[in-house]
Amino acid sequence: MDNAIIFMLIFSGAILFYALLLAWTKNVGLIRRSYAAKINDRKKYAVQFAKVLAMSAVAPALTGLAGFVTENVLFLYCVVVIY
């Protein structure tokens, strides 16, 4: 098992945890530089931002899980590109 696979899973897990925390609390103060954005509905903005974070964390998570199955680097690249 490669260290990169473990790093990808930890990295995506941290992003998913942050997205969950952001969606659960709906606190815009957790978003860096949120004061610079023109926000009408703060709670909806926090939830939408959490959704974007969660979707961006899925690709490294799928690649990390696929890394447990195979050592083929081409397959791992295909997982990222297909997602």
PDB file of N, CA and C in Angstrom:
ATOM      1  N   MET A   1       0.852  -1.173   0.000  1.00  0.00           N
ATOM      2  CA  MET A   1       0.000   0.000   0.000  1.00  0.00           C
ATOM      3  C   MET A   1       0.897   1.235   0.000  1.00  0.00           C
ATOM      4  N   ASP A   2       0.583   2.158  -0.838  1.00  0.00           N
ATOM      5  CA  ASP A   2       1.392   3.355  -1.024  1.00  0.00           C
ATOM      6  C   ASP A   2       0.955   4.448  -0.044  1.00  0.00           C
ATOM      7  N   ASN A   3       1.889   5.301   0.325  1.00  0.00           N
ATOM      8  CA  ASN A   3       1.568   6.400   1.229  1.00  0.00           C
ATOM      9  C   ASN A   3       0.671   7.432   0.563  1.00  0.00           C
ATOM     10  N   ALA A   4       0.743   7.546  -0.759  1.00  0.00           N
ATOM     11  CA  ALA A   4      -0.094   8.504  -1.470  1.00  0.00           C
ATOM     12  C   ALA A   4      -1.575   8.149  -1.346  1.00  0.00           C
ATOM     13  N   ILE A   5      -1.873   6.874  -1.330  1.00  0.00           N
ATOM     14  CA  ILE A   5      -3.261   6.435  -1.184  1.00  0.00           C
ATOM     15  C   ILE A   5      -3.798   6.839   0.181  1.00  0.00           C
ATOM     16  N   ILE A   6      -3.002   6.620   1.204  1.00  0.00           N
ATOM     17  CA  ILE A   6      -3.414   6.990   2.555  1.00  0.00           C
ATOM     18  C   ILE A   6      -3.564   8.500   2.669  1.00  0.00           C
ATOM     19  N   PHE A   7      -2.628   9.240   2.055  1.00  0.00           N
ATOM     20  CA  PHE A   7      -2.711  10.698   2.083  1.00  0.00           C
ATOM     21  C   PHE A   7      -3.971  11.187   1.393  1.00  0.00           C
ATOM     22  N   MET A   8      -4.347  10.591   0.254  1.00  0.00           N
ATOM     23  CA  MET A   8      -5.561  10.991  -0.453  1.00  0.00           C
ATOM     24  C   MET A   8      -6.799  10.746   0.398  1.00  0.00           C
ATOM     25  N   LEU A   9      -6.837   9.620   1.073  1.00  0.00           N
ATOM     26  CA  LEU A   9      -7.992   9.324   1.913  1.00  0.00           C
ATOM     27  C   LEU A   9      -8.077  10.274   3.105  1.00  0.00           C
ATOM     28  N   ILE A  10      -6.943  10.587   3.710  1.00  0.00           N
ATOM     29  CA  ILE A  10      -6.946  11.531   4.834  1.00  0.00           C
ATOM     30  C   ILE A  10      -7.341  12.926   4.354  1.00  0.00           C
ATOM     31  N   PHE A  11      -6.797  13.351   3.223  1.00  0.00           N
ATOM     32  CA  PHE A  11      -7.094  14.673   2.672  1.00  0.00           C
ATOM     33  C   PHE A  11      -8.577  14.803   2.324  1.00  0.00           C
ATOM     34  N   SER A  12      -9.121  13.813   1.642  1.00  0.00           N
ATOM     35  CA  SER A  12     -10.535  13.885   1.273  1.00  0.00           C
ATOM     36  C   SER A  12     -11.431  13.761   2.503  1.00  0.00           C
ATOM     37  N   GLY A  13     -11.006  12.975   3.485  1.00  0.00           N
ATOM     38  CA  GLY A  13     -11.771  12.874   4.721  1.00  0.00           C
ATOM     39  C   GLY A  13     -11.812  14.187   5.475  1.00  0.00           C
ATOM     40  N   ALA A  14     -10.700  14.909   5.477  1.00  0.00           N
ATOM     41  CA  ALA A  14     -10.662  16.211   6.149  1.00  0.00           C
ATOM     42  C   ALA A  14     -11.565  17.216   5.441  1.00  0.00           C
ATOM     43  N   ILE A  15     -11.547  17.204   4.113  1.00  0.00           N
ATOM     44  CA  ILE A  15     -12.418  18.123   3.365  1.00  0.00           C
ATOM     45  C   ILE A  15     -13.883  17.759   3.579  1.00  0.00           C
ATOM     46  N   LEU A  16     -14.191  16.474   3.576  1.00  0.00           N
ATOM     47  CA  LEU A  16     -15.573  16.054   3.814  1.00  0.00           C
ATOM     48  C   LEU A  16     -16.028  16.403   5.231  1.00  0.00           C
ATOM     49  N   PHE A  17     -15.130  16.282   6.201  1.00  0.00           N
ATOM     50  CA  PHE A  17     -15.472  16.662   7.575  1.00  0.00           C
ATOM     51  C   PHE A  17     -15.747  18.162   7.669  1.00  0.00           C
ATOM     52  N   TYR A  18     -14.924  18.973   7.005  1.00  0.00           N
ATOM     53  CA  TYR A  18     -15.135  20.421   6.991  1.00  0.00           C
ATOM     54  C   TYR A  18     -16.458  20.763   6.315  1.00  0.00           C
ATOM     55  N   ALA A  19     -16.775  20.093   5.212  1.00  0.00           N
ATOM     56  CA  ALA A  19     -18.041  20.340   4.519  1.00  0.00           C
ATOM     57  C   ALA A  19     -19.224  19.945   5.392  1.00  0.00           C
ATOM     58  N   LEU A  20     -19.108  18.835   6.094  1.00  0.00           N
ATOM     59  CA  LEU A  20     -20.177  18.405   6.997  1.00  0.00           C
ATOM     60  C   LEU A  20     -20.368  19.403   8.126  1.00  0.00           C
ATOM     61  N   LEU A  21     -19.273  19.867   8.697  1.00  0.00           N
ATOM     62  CA  LEU A  21     -19.343  20.851   9.775  1.00  0.00           C
ATOM     63  C   LEU A  21     -19.959  22.156   9.285  1.00  0.00           C
ATOM     64  N   LEU A  22     -19.592  22.566   8.087  1.00  0.00           N
ATOM     65  CA  LEU A  22     -20.123  23.797   7.524  1.00  0.00           C
ATOM     66  C   LEU A  22     -21.621  23.683   7.222  1.00  0.00           C
ATOM     67  N   ALA A  23     -22.038  22.543   6.673  1.00  0.00           N
ATOM     68  CA  ALA A  23     -23.453  22.354   6.359  1.00  0.00           C
ATOM     69  C   ALA A  23     -24.286  22.186   7.626  1.00  0.00           C
ATOM     70  N   TRP A  24     -23.709  21.599   8.632  1.00  0.00           N
ATOM     71  CA  TRP A  24     -24.447  21.354   9.872  1.00  0.00           C
ATOM     72  C   TRP A  24     -24.642  22.637  10.664  1.00  0.00           C
ATOM     73  N   THR A  25     -23.583  23.451  10.785  1.00  0.00           N
ATOM     74  CA  THR A  25     -23.687  24.675  11.574  1.00  0.00           C
ATOM     75  C   THR A  25     -24.251  25.842  10.774  1.00  0.00           C
ATOM     76  N   LYS A  26     -24.095  25.823   9.448  1.00  0.00           N
ATOM     77  CA  LYS A  26     -24.539  26.903   8.557  1.00  0.00           C
ATOM     78  C   LYS A  26     -23.932  28.238   8.980  1.00  0.00           C
ATOM     79  N   ASN A  27     -22.679  28.188   9.412  1.00  0.00           N
ATOM     80  CA  ASN A  27     -21.966  29.367   9.872  1.00  0.00           C
ATOM     81  C   ASN A  27     -21.035  29.855   8.764  1.00  0.00           C
ATOM     82  N   VAL A  28     -21.332  31.008   8.205  1.00  0.00           N
ATOM     83  CA  VAL A  28     -20.531  31.548   7.120  1.00  0.00           C
ATOM     84  C   VAL A  28     -19.169  31.997   7.640  1.00  0.00           C
ATOM     85  N   GLY A  29     -19.049  32.219   8.927  1.00  0.00           N
ATOM     86  CA  GLY A  29     -17.779  32.618   9.509  1.00  0.00           C
ATOM     87  C   GLY A  29     -16.700  31.559   9.370  1.00  0.00           C
ATOM     88  N   LEU A  30     -17.087  30.305   9.095  1.00  0.00           N
ATOM     89  CA  LEU A  30     -16.105  29.243   8.889  1.00  0.00           C
ATOM     90  C   LEU A  30     -15.458  29.298   7.509  1.00  0.00           C
ATOM     91  N   ILE A  31     -16.048  30.076   6.611  1.00  0.00           N
ATOM     92  CA  ILE A  31     -15.515  30.207   5.257  1.00  0.00           C
ATOM     93  C   ILE A  31     -14.546  31.381   5.243  1.00  0.00           C
ATOM     94  N   ARG A  32     -13.351  31.108   4.802  1.00  0.00           N
ATOM     95  CA  ARG A  32     -12.346  32.171   4.745  1.00  0.00           C
ATOM     96  C   ARG A  32     -12.732  33.199   3.691  1.00  0.00           C
ATOM     97  N   ARG A  33     -12.586  34.435   4.011  1.00  0.00           N
ATOM     98  CA  ARG A  33     -12.898  35.587   3.160  1.00  0.00           C
ATOM     99  C   ARG A  33     -14.371  35.646   2.777  1.00  0.00           C
ATOM    100  N   SER A  34     -15.257  35.137   3.629  1.00  0.00           N
ATOM    101  CA  SER A  34     -16.680  35.247   3.331  1.00  0.00           C
ATOM    102  C   SER A  34     -17.162  36.681   3.490  1.00  0.00           C
ATOM    103  N   TYR A  35     -16.405  37.493   4.215  1.00  0.00           N
ATOM    104  CA  TYR A  35     -16.779  38.891   4.388  1.00  0.00           C
ATOM    105  C   TYR A  35     -16.662  39.674   3.083  1.00  0.00           C
ATOM    106  N   ALA A  36     -15.876  39.173   2.140  1.00  0.00           N
ATOM    107  CA  ALA A  36     -15.686  39.881   0.876  1.00  0.00           C
ATOM    108  C   ALA A  36     -16.781  39.564  -0.135  1.00  0.00           C
ATOM    109  N   ALA A  37     -17.547  38.525   0.105  1.00  0.00           N
ATOM    110  CA  ALA A  37     -18.596  38.128  -0.842  1.00  0.00           C
ATOM    111  C   ALA A  37     -19.896  38.865  -0.517  1.00  0.00           C
ATOM    112  N   LYS A  38     -20.641  39.154  -1.547  1.00  0.00           N
ATOM    113  CA  LYS A  38     -21.956  39.773  -1.346  1.00  0.00           C
ATOM    114  C   LYS A  38     -22.970  38.654  -1.205  1.00  0.00           C
ATOM    115  N   ILE A  39     -23.395  38.408   0.024  1.00  0.00           N
ATOM    116  CA  ILE A  39     -24.257  37.268   0.334  1.00  0.00           C
ATOM    117  C   ILE A  39     -25.625  37.786   0.776  1.00  0.00           C
ATOM    118  N   ASN A  40     -26.669  37.297   0.117  1.00  0.00           N
ATOM    119  CA  ASN A  40     -28.024  37.654   0.530  1.00  0.00           C
ATOM    120  C   ASN A  40     -28.521  36.722   1.634  1.00  0.00           C
ATOM    121  N   ASP A  41     -28.418  35.430   1.405  1.00  0.00           N
ATOM    122  CA  ASP A  41     -28.862  34.429   2.387  1.00  0.00           C
ATOM    123  C   ASP A  41     -27.631  33.679   2.890  1.00  0.00           C
ATOM    124  N   ARG A  42     -27.196  33.970   4.101  1.00  0.00           N
ATOM    125  CA  ARG A  42     -25.960  33.416   4.637  1.00  0.00           C
ATOM    126  C   ARG A  42     -26.040  31.907   4.862  1.00  0.00           C
ATOM    127  N   LYS A  43     -27.156  31.417   5.353  1.00  0.00           N
ATOM    128  CA  LYS A  43     -27.279  29.981   5.620  1.00  0.00           C
ATOM    129  C   LYS A  43     -27.286  29.172   4.332  1.00  0.00           C
ATOM    130  N   LYS A  44     -27.992  29.670   3.321  1.00  0.00           N
ATOM    131  CA  LYS A  44     -28.027  28.972   2.040  1.00  0.00           C
ATOM    132  C   LYS A  44     -26.648  28.984   1.384  1.00  0.00           C
ATOM    133  N   TYR A  45     -25.924  30.083   1.516  1.00  0.00           N
ATOM    134  CA  TYR A  45     -24.568  30.172   0.965  1.00  0.00           C
ATOM    135  C   TYR A  45     -23.654  29.148   1.623  1.00  0.00           C
ATOM    136  N   ALA A  46     -23.771  28.989   2.941  1.00  0.00           N
ATOM    137  CA  ALA A  46     -22.931  28.024   3.661  1.00  0.00           C
ATOM    138  C   ALA A  46     -23.227  26.600   3.202  1.00  0.00           C
ATOM    139  N   VAL A  47     -24.494  26.285   3.006  1.00  0.00           N
ATOM    140  CA  VAL A  47     -24.863  24.933   2.565  1.00  0.00           C
ATOM    141  C   VAL A  47     -24.390  24.684   1.137  1.00  0.00           C
ATOM    142  N   GLN A  48     -24.563  25.654   0.257  1.00  0.00           N
ATOM    143  CA  GLN A  48     -24.114  25.487  -1.123  1.00  0.00           C
ATOM    144  C   GLN A  48     -22.593  25.364  -1.207  1.00  0.00           C
ATOM    145  N   PHE A  49     -21.877  26.119  -0.396  1.00  0.00           N
ATOM    146  CA  PHE A  49     -20.421  26.028  -0.365  1.00  0.00           C
ATOM    147  C   PHE A  49     -19.986  24.657   0.149  1.00  0.00           C
ATOM    148  N   ALA A  50     -20.711  24.123   1.129  1.00  0.00           N
ATOM    149  CA  ALA A  50     -20.411  22.790   1.655  1.00  0.00           C
ATOM    150  C   ALA A  50     -20.646  21.720   0.598  1.00  0.00           C
ATOM    151  N   LYS A  51     -21.659  21.876  -0.227  1.00  0.00           N
ATOM    152  CA  LYS A  51     -21.921  20.919  -1.301  1.00  0.00           C
ATOM    153  C   LYS A  51     -20.794  20.912  -2.320  1.00  0.00           C
ATOM    154  N   VAL A  52     -20.297  22.093  -2.662  1.00  0.00           N
ATOM    155  CA  VAL A  52     -19.192  22.181  -3.617  1.00  0.00           C
ATOM    156  C   VAL A  52     -17.943  21.527  -3.033  1.00  0.00           C
ATOM    157  N   LEU A  53     -17.672  21.765  -1.760  1.00  0.00           N
ATOM    158  CA  LEU A  53     -16.522  21.133  -1.113  1.00  0.00           C
ATOM    159  C   LEU A  53     -16.658  19.613  -1.099  1.00  0.00           C
ATOM    160  N   ALA A  54     -17.845  19.135  -0.788  1.00  0.00           N
ATOM    161  CA  ALA A  54     -18.055  17.686  -0.741  1.00  0.00           C
ATOM    162  C   ALA A  54     -17.876  17.053  -2.119  1.00  0.00           C
ATOM    163  N   MET A  55     -18.364  17.715  -3.157  1.00  0.00           N
ATOM    164  CA  MET A  55     -18.211  17.172  -4.500  1.00  0.00           C
ATOM    165  C   MET A  55     -16.752  17.170  -4.947  1.00  0.00           C
ATOM    166  N   SER A  56     -15.995  18.177  -4.528  1.00  0.00           N
ATOM    167  CA  SER A  56     -14.582  18.204  -4.912  1.00  0.00           C
ATOM    168  C   SER A  56     -13.753  17.204  -4.115  1.00  0.00           C
ATOM    169  N   ALA A  57     -14.252  16.741  -2.989  1.00  0.00           N
ATOM    170  CA  ALA A  57     -13.523  15.763  -2.183  1.00  0.00           C
ATOM    171  C   ALA A  57     -13.804  14.330  -2.613  1.00  0.00           C
ATOM    172  N   VAL A  58     -14.782  14.129  -3.462  1.00  0.00           N
ATOM    173  CA  VAL A  58     -15.147  12.778  -3.877  1.00  0.00           C
ATOM    174  C   VAL A  58     -14.080  12.155  -4.785  1.00  0.00           C
ATOM    175  N   ALA A  59     -13.482  12.949  -5.663  1.00  0.00           N
ATOM    176  CA  ALA A  59     -12.483  12.401  -6.594  1.00  0.00           C
ATOM    177  C   ALA A  59     -11.264  11.821  -5.878  1.00  0.00           C
ATOM    178  N   PRO A  60     -10.632  12.531  -4.928  1.00  0.00           N
ATOM    179  CA  PRO A  60      -9.516  11.879  -4.228  1.00  0.00           C
ATOM    180  C   PRO A  60      -9.964  10.714  -3.358  1.00  0.00           C
ATOM    181  N   ALA A  61     -11.184  10.765  -2.849  1.00  0.00           N
ATOM    182  CA  ALA A  61     -11.676   9.643  -2.042  1.00  0.00           C
ATOM    183  C   ALA A  61     -11.858   8.390  -2.905  1.00  0.00           C
ATOM    184  N   LEU A  62     -12.439   8.562  -4.099  1.00  0.00           N
ATOM    185  CA  LEU A  62     -12.623   7.415  -4.996  1.00  0.00           C
ATOM    186  C   LEU A  62     -11.282   6.874  -5.473  1.00  0.00           C
ATOM    187  N   THR A  63     -10.337   7.772  -5.736  1.00  0.00           N
ATOM    188  CA  THR A  63      -9.018   7.319  -6.165  1.00  0.00           C
ATOM    189  C   THR A  63      -8.312   6.570  -5.046  1.00  0.00           C
ATOM    190  N   GLY A  64      -8.443   7.047  -3.819  1.00  0.00           N
ATOM    191  CA  GLY A  64      -7.846   6.347  -2.688  1.00  0.00           C
ATOM    192  C   GLY A  64      -8.462   4.978  -2.470  1.00  0.00           C
ATOM    193  N   LEU A  65      -9.776   4.891  -2.601  1.00  0.00           N
ATOM    194  CA  LEU A  65     -10.437   3.584  -2.455  1.00  0.00           C
ATOM    195  C   LEU A  65     -10.067   2.649  -3.599  1.00  0.00           C
ATOM    196  N   ALA A  66      -9.939   3.193  -4.806  1.00  0.00           N
ATOM    197  CA  ALA A  66      -9.528   2.366  -5.943  1.00  0.00           C
ATOM    198  C   ALA A  66      -8.080   1.923  -5.790  1.00  0.00           C
ATOM    199  N   GLY A  67      -7.278   2.712  -5.091  1.00  0.00           N
ATOM    200  CA  GLY A  67      -5.881   2.347  -4.857  1.00  0.00           C
ATOM    201  C   GLY A  67      -5.739   1.136  -3.962  1.00  0.00           C
ATOM    202  N   PHE A  68      -6.737   0.894  -3.108  1.00  0.00           N
ATOM    203  CA  PHE A  68      -6.718  -0.315  -2.291  1.00  0.00           C
ATOM    204  C   PHE A  68      -6.968  -1.556  -3.140  1.00  0.00           C
ATOM    205  N   VAL A  69      -7.705  -1.389  -4.231  1.00  0.00           N
ATOM    206  CA  VAL A  69      -8.079  -2.525  -5.073  1.00  0.00           C
ATOM    207  C   VAL A  69      -6.964  -2.900  -6.037  1.00  0.00           C
ATOM    208  N   THR A  70      -6.321  -1.891  -6.628  1.00  0.00           N
ATOM    209  CA  THR A  70      -5.333  -2.169  -7.665  1.00  0.00           C
ATOM    210  C   THR A  70      -4.122  -1.256  -7.509  1.00  0.00           C
ATOM    211  N   GLU A  71      -3.034  -1.666  -8.079  1.00  0.00           N
ATOM    212  CA  GLU A  71      -1.818  -0.854  -8.105  1.00  0.00           C
ATOM    213  C   GLU A  71      -1.616  -0.223  -9.478  1.00  0.00           C
ATOM    214  N   ASN A  72      -2.533  -0.444 -10.394  1.00  0.00           N
ATOM    215  CA  ASN A  72      -2.433   0.067 -11.751  1.00  0.00           C
ATOM    216  C   ASN A  72      -2.685   1.572 -11.756  1.00  0.00           C
ATOM    217  N   VAL A  73      -1.666   2.349 -12.110  1.00  0.00           N
ATOM    218  CA  VAL A  73      -1.761   3.802 -12.083  1.00  0.00           C
ATOM    219  C   VAL A  73      -2.710   4.306 -13.160  1.00  0.00           C
ATOM    220  N   LEU A  74      -2.748   3.648 -14.298  1.00  0.00           N
ATOM    221  CA  LEU A  74      -3.647   4.056 -15.371  1.00  0.00           C
ATOM    222  C   LEU A  74      -5.106   3.958 -14.924  1.00  0.00           C
ATOM    223  N   PHE A  75      -5.434   2.920 -14.192  1.00  0.00           N
ATOM    224  CA  PHE A  75      -6.795   2.757 -13.670  1.00  0.00           C
ATOM    225  C   PHE A  75      -7.135   3.888 -12.700  1.00  0.00           C
ATOM    226  N   LEU A  76      -6.178   4.279 -11.878  1.00  0.00           N
ATOM    227  CA  LEU A  76      -6.421   5.342 -10.913  1.00  0.00           C
ATOM    228  C   LEU A  76      -6.630   6.686 -11.605  1.00  0.00           C
ATOM    229  N   TYR A  77      -5.865   6.936 -12.672  1.00  0.00           N
ATOM    230  CA  TYR A  77      -6.074   8.154 -13.440  1.00  0.00           C
ATOM    231  C   TYR A  77      -7.440   8.157 -14.123  1.00  0.00           C
ATOM    232  N   CYS A  78      -7.858   6.992 -14.588  1.00  0.00           N
ATOM    233  CA  CYS A  78      -9.181   6.885 -15.230  1.00  0.00           C
ATOM    234  C   CYS A  78     -10.295   7.183 -14.238  1.00  0.00           C
ATOM    235  N   VAL A  79     -10.127   6.777 -12.991  1.00  0.00           N
ATOM    236  CA  VAL A  79     -11.133   7.061 -11.968  1.00  0.00           C
ATOM    237  C   VAL A  79     -11.285   8.564 -11.788  1.00  0.00           C
ATOM    238  N   VAL A  80     -10.174   9.271 -11.728  1.00  0.00           N
ATOM    239  CA  VAL A  80     -10.222  10.728 -11.540  1.00  0.00           C
ATOM    240  C   VAL A  80     -10.820  11.412 -12.762  1.00  0.00           C
ATOM    241  N   VAL A  81     -10.432  10.981 -13.955  1.00  0.00           N
ATOM    242  CA  VAL A  81     -10.906  11.633 -15.169  1.00  0.00           C
ATOM    243  C   VAL A  81     -12.398  11.361 -15.391  1.00  0.00           C
ATOM    244  N   ILE A  82     -12.836  10.159 -15.127  1.00  0.00           N
ATOM    245  CA  ILE A  82     -14.247   9.817 -15.320  1.00  0.00           C
ATOM    246  C   ILE A  82     -15.122  10.583 -14.339  1.00  0.00           C
ATOM    247  N   TYR A  83     -14.637  10.744 -13.127  1.00  0.00           N
ATOM    248  CA  TYR A  83     -15.427  11.502 -12.157  1.00  0.00           C
ATOM    249  C   TYR A  83     -15.446  12.950 -12.564  1.00  0.00           C
TER     250      TYR A  83
END
